[in-house]
Amino acid sequence: MAEELFELLSEARELYLQNVIVDDFINSHRYINCDSAVCRNCHEMNIHIVKGLLTECTHLIQPLFTTSHFSFEECMELRRQYDRSEPLPTPVVHHTDKVTDAPPLSFGCNFTQEQMTGIVSCANTYHLFCVSMLRIEDMEALFSCKEGFHLRVNNLRHVAILFDALLENSFIQSRWQSVLDKGRFLLSKDGTRFITASNLSSALSAVRNNKTAVAYGIKRVIKELKL
């Protein structure tokens, strides 16, 4: 149980630094491939702890989640502090309160025509999306956050490295995973579900740990767009 809690919090920590969407993280880790009642109960308890820490105890997790290292011992201490802490009161919503509109989705980008052409060429070269030929109009719709627009992903890891490379070269803002999630701009390869921020973060972690020639190629192309 303790080891699983550490793994869950370690992944949540990585996502936390990239604007983790708590509900998506919890839902994507809700089920386990085990029929043992003991295992399932322990897993559900760990999920409950992680959700409580992320939603009610940011004062506990922020100091540990923003450091360069997160150890198993620190995880256990975090668990002990959570067990001793009082849950935060549910905020009271008054009918006179005004509802604040959510800010519009934006990648914060402003590409030149030449840069957009380069991005589209890169996407077509490495077959990032399930289309015979991606058009400039498609990427313009994506980066302008056109409502109702989406692309079907051919290789999620390569798409994630594309956006990560755009961030590294200051073409887009750091909240790109959240924007793609909230806007429902990416569909899975089989077209059955929308790609979440958690999916993107996991894919990016995987490709960073095992970089391929394609990943290096994508990063090189995007870097050259700044020259």
Protein backbone atom coordinates (compact mmCIF):
# COMPACT_ATOMS: atom_id res chain seq x y z
CA MET A 1 0.00 0.00 0.00
CA ALA A 2 2.78 2.44 0.94
CA GLU A 3 4.72 1.76 -2.27
CA GLU A 4 1.62 2.33 -4.42
CA LEU A 5 0.87 5.59 -2.60
CA PHE A 6 4.41 6.76 -3.30
CA GLU A 7 4.04 5.92 -7.01
CA LEU A 8 0.72 7.74 -7.23
CA LEU A 9 2.03 10.84 -5.48
CA SER A 10 5.20 10.83 -7.56
CA GLU A 11 3.16 10.90 -10.76
CA ALA A 12 0.78 13.48 -9.30
CA ARG A 13 3.82 15.58 -8.35
CA GLU A 14 5.03 15.64 -11.94
CA LEU A 15 1.58 16.59 -13.17
CA TYR A 16 1.21 19.15 -10.36
CA LEU A 17 4.07 21.13 -11.85
CA GLN A 18 2.17 21.15 -15.15
CA ASN A 19 -1.26 22.27 -13.89
CA VAL A 20 -2.60 18.87 -12.89
CA ILE A 21 -6.33 18.33 -13.42
CA VAL A 22 -7.25 16.44 -10.27
CA ASP A 23 -10.44 14.75 -11.48
CA ASP A 24 -8.74 13.45 -14.62
CA PHE A 25 -5.81 12.11 -12.62
CA ILE A 26 -8.05 10.37 -10.09
CA ASN A 27 -10.37 8.90 -12.72
CA SER A 28 -7.45 7.60 -14.81
CA HIS A 29 -6.10 5.75 -11.74
CA ARG A 30 -9.42 4.63 -10.28
CA TYR A 31 -9.30 1.02 -11.38
CA ILE A 32 -6.67 -1.71 -10.98
CA ASN A 33 -6.32 -5.08 -12.67
CA CYS A 34 -6.77 -7.12 -9.52
CA ASP A 35 -9.78 -9.03 -8.16
CA SER A 36 -8.48 -9.21 -4.59
CA ALA A 37 -10.78 -7.33 -2.22
CA VAL A 38 -7.79 -6.39 -0.02
CA CYS A 39 -5.85 -4.93 -2.95
CA ARG A 40 -8.87 -3.04 -4.25
CA ASN A 41 -9.62 -1.59 -0.80
CA CYS A 42 -6.00 -0.51 -0.33
CA HIS A 43 -5.97 1.06 -3.77
CA GLU A 44 -9.20 2.94 -3.07
CA MET A 45 -7.73 4.22 0.19
CA ASN A 46 -4.62 5.48 -1.62
CA ILE A 47 -6.79 7.20 -4.24
CA HIS A 48 -8.77 8.84 -1.44
CA ILE A 49 -5.57 10.10 0.19
CA VAL A 50 -4.15 11.46 -3.07
CA LYS A 51 -7.39 13.25 -3.90
CA GLY A 52 -7.58 14.73 -0.40
CA LEU A 53 -4.00 15.98 -0.60
CA LEU A 54 -4.48 17.54 -4.02
CA THR A 55 -7.81 19.20 -3.28
CA GLU A 56 -7.74 20.01 0.44
CA CYS A 57 -4.11 20.07 1.54
CA THR A 58 -2.19 22.12 -0.99
CA HIS A 59 -0.38 23.72 1.95
CA LEU A 60 1.13 20.29 2.65
CA ILE A 61 2.00 19.18 -0.86
CA GLN A 62 3.26 22.42 -2.39
CA PRO A 63 6.59 22.56 -0.48
CA LEU A 64 7.38 18.92 -1.36
CA PHE A 65 6.00 18.97 -4.90
CA THR A 66 8.06 21.97 -5.95
CA THR A 67 11.44 20.65 -4.80
CA SER A 68 13.83 18.82 -7.11
CA HIS A 69 13.48 15.52 -5.22
CA PHE A 70 10.62 13.61 -3.65
CA SER A 71 11.56 10.56 -1.57
CA PHE A 72 9.60 7.64 -0.17
CA GLU A 73 10.29 8.91 3.36
CA GLU A 74 8.85 12.32 2.47
CA CYS A 75 5.82 10.57 1.03
CA MET A 76 5.24 8.72 4.30
CA GLU A 77 5.63 11.93 6.29
CA LEU A 78 3.10 13.57 3.97
CA ARG A 79 0.73 10.69 4.68
CA ARG A 80 1.18 11.14 8.44
CA GLN A 81 0.51 14.87 8.19
CA TYR A 82 -2.59 14.20 6.12
CA ASP A 83 -3.89 11.72 8.71
CA ARG A 84 -3.46 14.33 11.44
CA SER A 85 -4.90 17.25 9.49
CA GLU A 86 -8.47 18.44 9.63
CA PRO A 87 -10.35 18.54 6.30
CA LEU A 88 -10.94 22.04 5.02
CA PRO A 89 -14.50 23.33 5.39
CA THR A 90 -16.68 23.32 2.30
CA PRO A 91 -16.96 26.93 1.07
CA VAL A 92 -20.40 28.49 1.34
CA VAL A 93 -21.74 29.86 -1.93
CA HIS A 94 -24.04 32.85 -1.57
CA HIS A 95 -26.73 33.45 -4.15
CA THR A 96 -25.61 37.07 -4.47
CA ASP A 97 -22.12 36.01 -5.59
CA LYS A 98 -21.39 36.68 -9.25
CA VAL A 99 -20.19 33.79 -11.34
CA THR A 100 -16.85 34.56 -12.91
CA ASP A 101 -16.55 33.43 -16.51
CA ALA A 102 -13.63 31.15 -17.24
CA PRO A 103 -10.93 32.79 -19.35
CA PRO A 104 -10.92 31.79 -23.02
CA LEU A 105 -8.63 28.96 -24.00
CA SER A 106 -5.36 30.06 -25.53
CA PHE A 107 -1.90 28.67 -26.25
CA GLY A 108 -0.52 32.21 -26.17
CA CYS A 109 1.08 31.74 -29.59
CA ASN A 110 1.61 34.01 -32.56
CA PHE A 111 3.21 32.05 -35.40
CA THR A 112 4.41 33.53 -38.65
CA GLN A 113 3.22 31.90 -41.85
CA GLU A 114 6.66 30.38 -42.31
CA GLN A 115 6.65 28.92 -38.80
CA MET A 116 3.15 27.49 -39.24
CA THR A 117 4.22 25.92 -42.52
CA GLY A 118 7.18 24.35 -40.74
CA ILE A 119 4.99 22.91 -37.97
CA VAL A 120 2.56 21.42 -40.50
CA SER A 121 5.44 19.95 -42.49
CA CYS A 122 6.86 18.40 -39.32
CA ALA A 123 3.48 16.90 -38.41
CA ASN A 124 3.11 15.40 -41.89
CA THR A 125 6.69 14.12 -42.05
CA TYR A 126 6.34 12.19 -38.81
CA HIS A 127 2.64 11.27 -39.30
CA LEU A 128 1.53 12.77 -36.01
CA PHE A 129 -2.17 12.80 -36.87
CA CYS A 130 -4.58 10.39 -38.56
CA VAL A 131 -5.04 12.38 -41.76
CA SER A 132 -3.59 11.72 -45.19
CA MET A 133 -2.23 15.27 -45.34
CA LEU A 134 -2.49 17.82 -42.54
CA ARG A 135 -3.32 21.32 -43.81
CA ILE A 136 -2.21 24.69 -42.53
CA GLU A 137 -5.88 25.46 -41.90
CA ASP A 138 -6.05 22.50 -39.52
CA MET A 139 -3.17 23.71 -37.37
CA GLU A 140 -4.46 27.27 -37.45
CA ALA A 141 -7.80 26.00 -36.12
CA LEU A 142 -6.01 24.02 -33.41
CA PHE A 143 -3.73 26.83 -32.23
CA SER A 144 -6.57 29.36 -32.31
CA CYS A 145 -8.61 26.99 -30.09
CA LYS A 146 -11.51 26.80 -32.53
CA GLU A 147 -14.53 25.46 -30.69
CA GLY A 148 -15.58 21.99 -31.80
CA PHE A 149 -12.38 21.36 -33.75
CA HIS A 150 -10.31 18.26 -33.08
CA LEU A 151 -7.63 16.06 -34.63
CA ARG A 152 -7.22 12.31 -34.26
CA VAL A 153 -3.79 11.45 -32.88
CA ASN A 154 -1.68 8.84 -34.63
CA ASN A 155 1.15 8.71 -32.07
CA LEU A 156 0.47 10.43 -28.75
CA ARG A 157 4.11 10.42 -27.63
CA HIS A 158 5.24 12.20 -30.77
CA VAL A 159 2.42 14.74 -30.50
CA ALA A 160 3.42 15.39 -26.89
CA ILE A 161 7.06 15.95 -27.87
CA LEU A 162 5.94 18.38 -30.58
CA PHE A 163 4.12 20.57 -28.07
CA ASP A 164 6.94 20.19 -25.55
CA ALA A 165 9.40 21.39 -28.19
CA LEU A 166 7.15 24.36 -28.95
CA LEU A 167 7.18 25.21 -25.24
CA GLU A 168 10.97 24.82 -24.97
CA ASN A 169 11.39 27.31 -27.79
CA SER A 170 8.88 29.76 -26.28
CA PHE A 171 6.30 29.38 -29.05
CA ILE A 172 3.48 28.44 -26.65
CA GLN A 173 2.69 28.77 -22.95
CA SER A 174 3.29 26.11 -20.29
CA ARG A 175 -0.43 25.31 -19.85
CA TRP A 176 -0.70 23.63 -23.28
CA GLN A 177 -1.71 20.29 -21.76
CA SER A 178 -4.61 21.88 -19.92
CA VAL A 179 -5.70 23.78 -23.05
CA LEU A 180 -5.72 20.63 -25.19
CA ASP A 181 -7.65 18.83 -22.45
CA LYS A 182 -10.29 21.47 -21.77
CA GLY A 183 -10.81 22.25 -25.44
CA ARG A 184 -11.09 18.57 -26.39
CA PHE A 185 -8.87 19.24 -29.38
CA LEU A 186 -7.25 15.79 -29.58
CA LEU A 187 -8.93 12.42 -30.11
CA SER A 188 -7.37 9.03 -29.46
CA LYS A 189 -6.18 7.03 -32.46
CA ASP A 190 -9.27 4.81 -32.37
CA GLY A 191 -11.52 7.88 -32.04
CA THR A 192 -13.25 6.63 -28.89
CA ARG A 193 -12.10 9.24 -26.36
CA PHE A 194 -10.58 12.66 -26.00
CA ILE A 195 -6.97 12.99 -24.89
CA THR A 196 -6.61 14.36 -21.34
CA ALA A 197 -3.83 16.34 -19.68
CA SER A 198 -2.95 13.19 -17.74
CA ASN A 199 -2.60 11.23 -21.00
CA LEU A 200 -0.31 13.93 -22.42
CA SER A 201 1.84 14.11 -19.30
CA SER A 202 2.28 10.33 -19.17
CA ALA A 203 3.16 10.23 -22.88
CA LEU A 204 5.69 13.04 -22.46
CA SER A 205 7.33 11.32 -19.49
CA ALA A 206 7.60 8.10 -21.46
CA VAL A 207 9.23 9.71 -24.48
CA ARG A 208 11.62 11.72 -22.31
CA ASN A 209 12.78 8.51 -20.66
CA ASN A 210 13.24 6.76 -23.99
CA LYS A 211 13.94 9.29 -26.73
CA THR A 212 13.72 8.00 -30.27
CA ALA A 213 15.10 9.28 -33.55
CA VAL A 214 11.65 10.69 -34.31
CA ALA A 215 11.61 12.64 -31.03
CA TYR A 216 15.02 14.13 -31.76
CA GLY A 217 13.90 14.94 -35.30
CA ILE A 218 10.78 16.77 -34.12
CA LYS A 219 12.74 18.78 -31.56
CA ARG A 220 15.35 19.71 -34.18
CA VAL A 221 12.72 20.92 -36.66
CA ILE A 222 10.94 23.06 -34.09
CA LYS A 223 14.21 24.56 -32.82
CA GLU A 224 15.14 25.57 -36.36
CA LEU A 225 11.91 27.56 -36.67
CA LYS A 226 13.40 30.16 -34.32
CA LEU A 227 16.41 30.80 -36.56
